[in-house]
Each structure stands twice: as C-alpha cells, then as structure tokens.
C-alpha atoms as a PDB file:
ATOM      1  CA  MET A   1      51.902  13.195  95.447  1.00  0.00           C
ATOM      2  CA  SER A   2      50.861   9.228  94.801  1.00  0.00           C
ATOM      3  CA  PRO A   3      47.475   8.440  96.349  1.00  0.00           C
ATOM      4  CA  ARG A   4      48.153   6.784  99.857  1.00  0.00           C
ATOM      5  CA  PRO A   5      47.923   2.664  99.012  1.00  0.00           C
ATOM      6  CA  SER A   6      44.536   1.026 100.224  1.00  0.00           C
ATOM      7  CA  ALA A   7      44.826  -0.504 104.140  1.00  0.00           C
ATOM      8  CA  LEU A   8      42.444  -3.027 102.922  1.00  0.00           C
ATOM      9  CA  PRO A   9      43.092  -6.020 100.311  1.00  0.00           C
ATOM     10  CA  LEU A  10      42.015  -5.575  96.733  1.00  0.00           C
ATOM     11  CA  GLU A  11      38.996  -8.447  97.254  1.00  0.00           C
ATOM     12  CA  ALA A  12      37.641  -6.879 100.869  1.00  0.00           C
ATOM     13  CA  PRO A  13      33.783  -5.462 100.346  1.00  0.00           C
ATOM     14  CA  VAL A  14      33.516  -2.200 100.815  1.00  0.00           C
ATOM     15  CA  GLU A  15      30.215  -1.887 103.065  1.00  0.00           C
ATOM     16  CA  SER A  16      31.147   1.580 104.889  1.00  0.00           C
ATOM     17  CA  ILE A  17      32.345   4.640 104.946  1.00  0.00           C
ATOM     18  CA  GLY A  18      35.008   3.357 107.053  1.00  0.00           C
ATOM     19  CA  HIS A  19      35.742   0.911 104.654  1.00  0.00           C
ATOM     20  CA  LEU A  20      36.083   3.181 102.225  1.00  0.00           C
ATOM     21  CA  ALA A  21      38.344   5.568 103.815  1.00  0.00           C
ATOM     22  CA  LEU A  22      40.543   2.506 104.369  1.00  0.00           C
ATOM     23  CA  ALA A  23      40.326   1.647 100.693  1.00  0.00           C
ATOM     24  CA  LEU A  24      41.457   5.389 100.074  1.00  0.00           C
ATOM     25  CA  GLY A  25      44.446   4.960 102.705  1.00  0.00           C
ATOM     26  CA  GLY A  26      42.882   6.910 105.402  1.00  0.00           C
ATOM     27  CA  MET A  27      41.204   5.574 108.505  1.00  0.00           C
ATOM     28  CA  GLU A  28      37.375   6.432 109.689  1.00  0.00           C
ATOM     29  CA  SER A  29      38.840   9.131 112.518  1.00  0.00           C
ATOM     30  CA  SER A  30      41.883  10.815 109.618  1.00  0.00           C
ATOM     31  CA  PHE A  31      40.782  13.722 107.582  1.00  0.00           C
ATOM     32  CA  THR A  32      39.826  10.820 104.678  1.00  0.00           C
ATOM     33  CA  GLY A  33      37.658   9.365 106.623  1.00  0.00           C
ATOM     34  CA  GLN A  34      35.788  13.090 108.129  1.00  0.00           C
ATOM     35  CA  LEU A  35      35.602  14.538 104.720  1.00  0.00           C
ATOM     36  CA  LEU A  36      33.432  11.249 103.709  1.00  0.00           C
ATOM     37  CA  HIS A  37      31.037  11.625 106.344  1.00  0.00           C
ATOM     38  CA  LEU A  38      31.009  15.620 104.830  1.00  0.00           C
ATOM     39  CA  ILE A  39      30.384  14.949 101.321  1.00  0.00           C
ATOM     40  CA  PRO A  40      26.457  13.353 101.328  1.00  0.00           C
ATOM     41  CA  LYS A  41      25.874  16.488 104.078  1.00  0.00           C
ATOM     42  CA  GLY A  42      26.841  18.944 101.009  1.00  0.00           C
ATOM     43  CA  ASP A  43      23.960  20.539  98.538  1.00  0.00           C
ATOM     44  CA  PRO A  44      25.177  20.111  94.918  1.00  0.00           C
ATOM     45  CA  VAL A  45      27.196  23.501  94.849  1.00  0.00           C
ATOM     46  CA  ASN A  46      29.015  22.969  98.045  1.00  0.00           C
ATOM     47  CA  ARG A  47      29.718  19.248  97.130  1.00  0.00           C
ATOM     48  CA  ALA A  48      31.116  20.168  93.619  1.00  0.00           C
ATOM     49  CA  ARG A  49      33.317  22.754  95.569  1.00  0.00           C
ATOM     50  CA  LEU A  50      34.439  19.835  97.564  1.00  0.00           C
ATOM     51  CA  ALA A  51      34.642  18.049  94.460  1.00  0.00           C
ATOM     52  CA  LEU A  52      37.374  20.444  93.052  1.00  0.00           C
ATOM     53  CA  ALA A  53      39.448  20.430  96.300  1.00  0.00           C
ATOM     54  CA  PHE A  54      39.366  16.750  96.782  1.00  0.00           C
ATOM     55  CA  PRO A  55      38.693  15.079  93.408  1.00  0.00           C
ATOM     56  CA  ARG A  56      39.808  11.068  94.206  1.00  0.00           C
ATOM     57  CA  GLU A  57      37.553  11.285  97.280  1.00  0.00           C
ATOM     58  CA  VAL A  58      34.479  12.831  96.180  1.00  0.00           C
ATOM     59  CA  ALA A  59      34.448   9.777  93.239  1.00  0.00           C
ATOM     60  CA  ALA A  60      35.256   7.014  95.457  1.00  0.00           C
ATOM     61  CA  TYR A  61      31.895   8.059  97.468  1.00  0.00           C
ATOM     62  CA  GLU A  62      29.808   9.007  94.482  1.00  0.00           C
ATOM     63  CA  THR A  63      31.255   5.601  92.998  1.00  0.00           C
ATOM     64  CA  TRP A  64      30.143   3.732  96.234  1.00  0.00           C
ATOM     65  CA  MET A  65      26.684   5.434  96.910  1.00  0.00           C
ATOM     66  CA  GLY A  66      26.262   4.478  92.911  1.00  0.00           C
ATOM     67  CA  PHE A  67      28.072   0.759  92.715  1.00  0.00           C
ATOM     68  CA  PRO A  68      24.421  -1.126  92.814  1.00  0.00           C
ATOM     69  CA  THR A  69      22.683   1.208  89.868  1.00  0.00           C
ATOM     70  CA  TRP A  70      26.016  -0.643  87.483  1.00  0.00           C
ATOM     71  CA  ARG A  71      26.569  -3.962  88.791  1.00  0.00           C
ATOM     72  CA  GLY A  72      23.181  -5.071  87.760  1.00  0.00           C
ATOM     73  CA  SER A  73      21.210  -7.238  90.348  1.00  0.00           C
ATOM     74  CA  GLU A  74      23.532  -8.069  92.668  1.00  0.00           C
ATOM     75  CA  LYS A  75      23.096  -7.298  96.136  1.00  0.00           C
ATOM     76  CA  ARG A  76      26.838  -6.970  97.258  1.00  0.00           C
ATOM     77  CA  PRO A  77      29.213  -4.002  97.963  1.00  0.00           C
ATOM     78  CA  PRO A  78      31.392  -3.232  95.878  1.00  0.00           C
ATOM     79  CA  THR A  79      35.670  -4.879  96.597  1.00  0.00           C
ATOM     80  CA  VAL A  80      38.363  -2.152  96.723  1.00  0.00           C
ATOM     81  CA  GLY A  81      39.762  -3.046  93.740  1.00  0.00           C
ATOM     82  CA  GLU A  82      36.198  -2.598  92.118  1.00  0.00           C
ATOM     83  CA  LEU A  83      36.000   0.605  93.498  1.00  0.00           C
ATOM     84  CA  LEU A  84      39.248   2.145  93.016  1.00  0.00           C
ATOM     85  CA  THR A  85      39.327   0.268  89.378  1.00  0.00           C
ATOM     86  CA  VAL A  86      36.532   2.507  88.360  1.00  0.00           C
ATOM     87  CA  VAL A  87      37.446   6.246  90.629  1.00  0.00           C
ATOM     88  CA  ASP A  88      41.047   5.642  89.038  1.00  0.00           C
ATOM     89  CA  LYS A  89      39.833   4.736  85.230  1.00  0.00           C
ATOM     90  CA  ASN A  90      37.522   7.982  85.179  1.00  0.00           C
ATOM     91  CA  GLY A  91      41.234  10.132  85.847  1.00  0.00           C
ATOM     92  CA  TRP A  92      40.538  11.016  89.607  1.00  0.00           C
ATOM     93  CA  ALA A  93      43.483   9.223  90.643  1.00  0.00           C
ATOM     94  CA  TRP A  94      46.782  11.643  91.689  1.00  0.00           C
ATOM     95  CA  GLY A  95      49.102  11.827  89.166  1.00  0.00           C
END
C-alpha cells in the first residue's frame, strides 16, 4: 500500500501538527492528525510501540520536531518536500 499524497504542495512550510498531518496525506481531524497529537504524549516505551505500528508517522513527527537541529542556523520550518525526503530516504516510506 502506498502512502496518500500530500494535501500540501512540496514547497509549503510545515508549521504545525495540522500541516504535518496534511503533508502525510491526512487532516488534523483524521486518524493521522489524532495520532500525531498522541505521539508526543507517549513515554519512550509507548512511542516505540507506536513506531512499530505507524513507523512513517512517528518518523515524520520526530524528524519535524528535530528539524532545527539538522538544518543549521536557519530559523524556518521545514517544507513538505524536505520533510518527506528525509522520512522516505531513511526507509520509513510504505512499500
């Protein structure tokens, strides 16, 4: 099964969890959006369990949250294209 296409253009900034849900092909009120709100509430053990079932979503959230550390001194959110490139390059894309 392939992931749903992003509802945002690749050059759009990912500034919130709602934007992240749209980038992953969902909406903030969809299951994907609710899952993205749940991920940061989990302790490390439960986050690892979520990652077993939803690897792409957990990887996207963690990449999005860690973006300032790997983008250097630029003060801007990642674009959809940047985020998905990192997530999919690391093998978290669906087969």
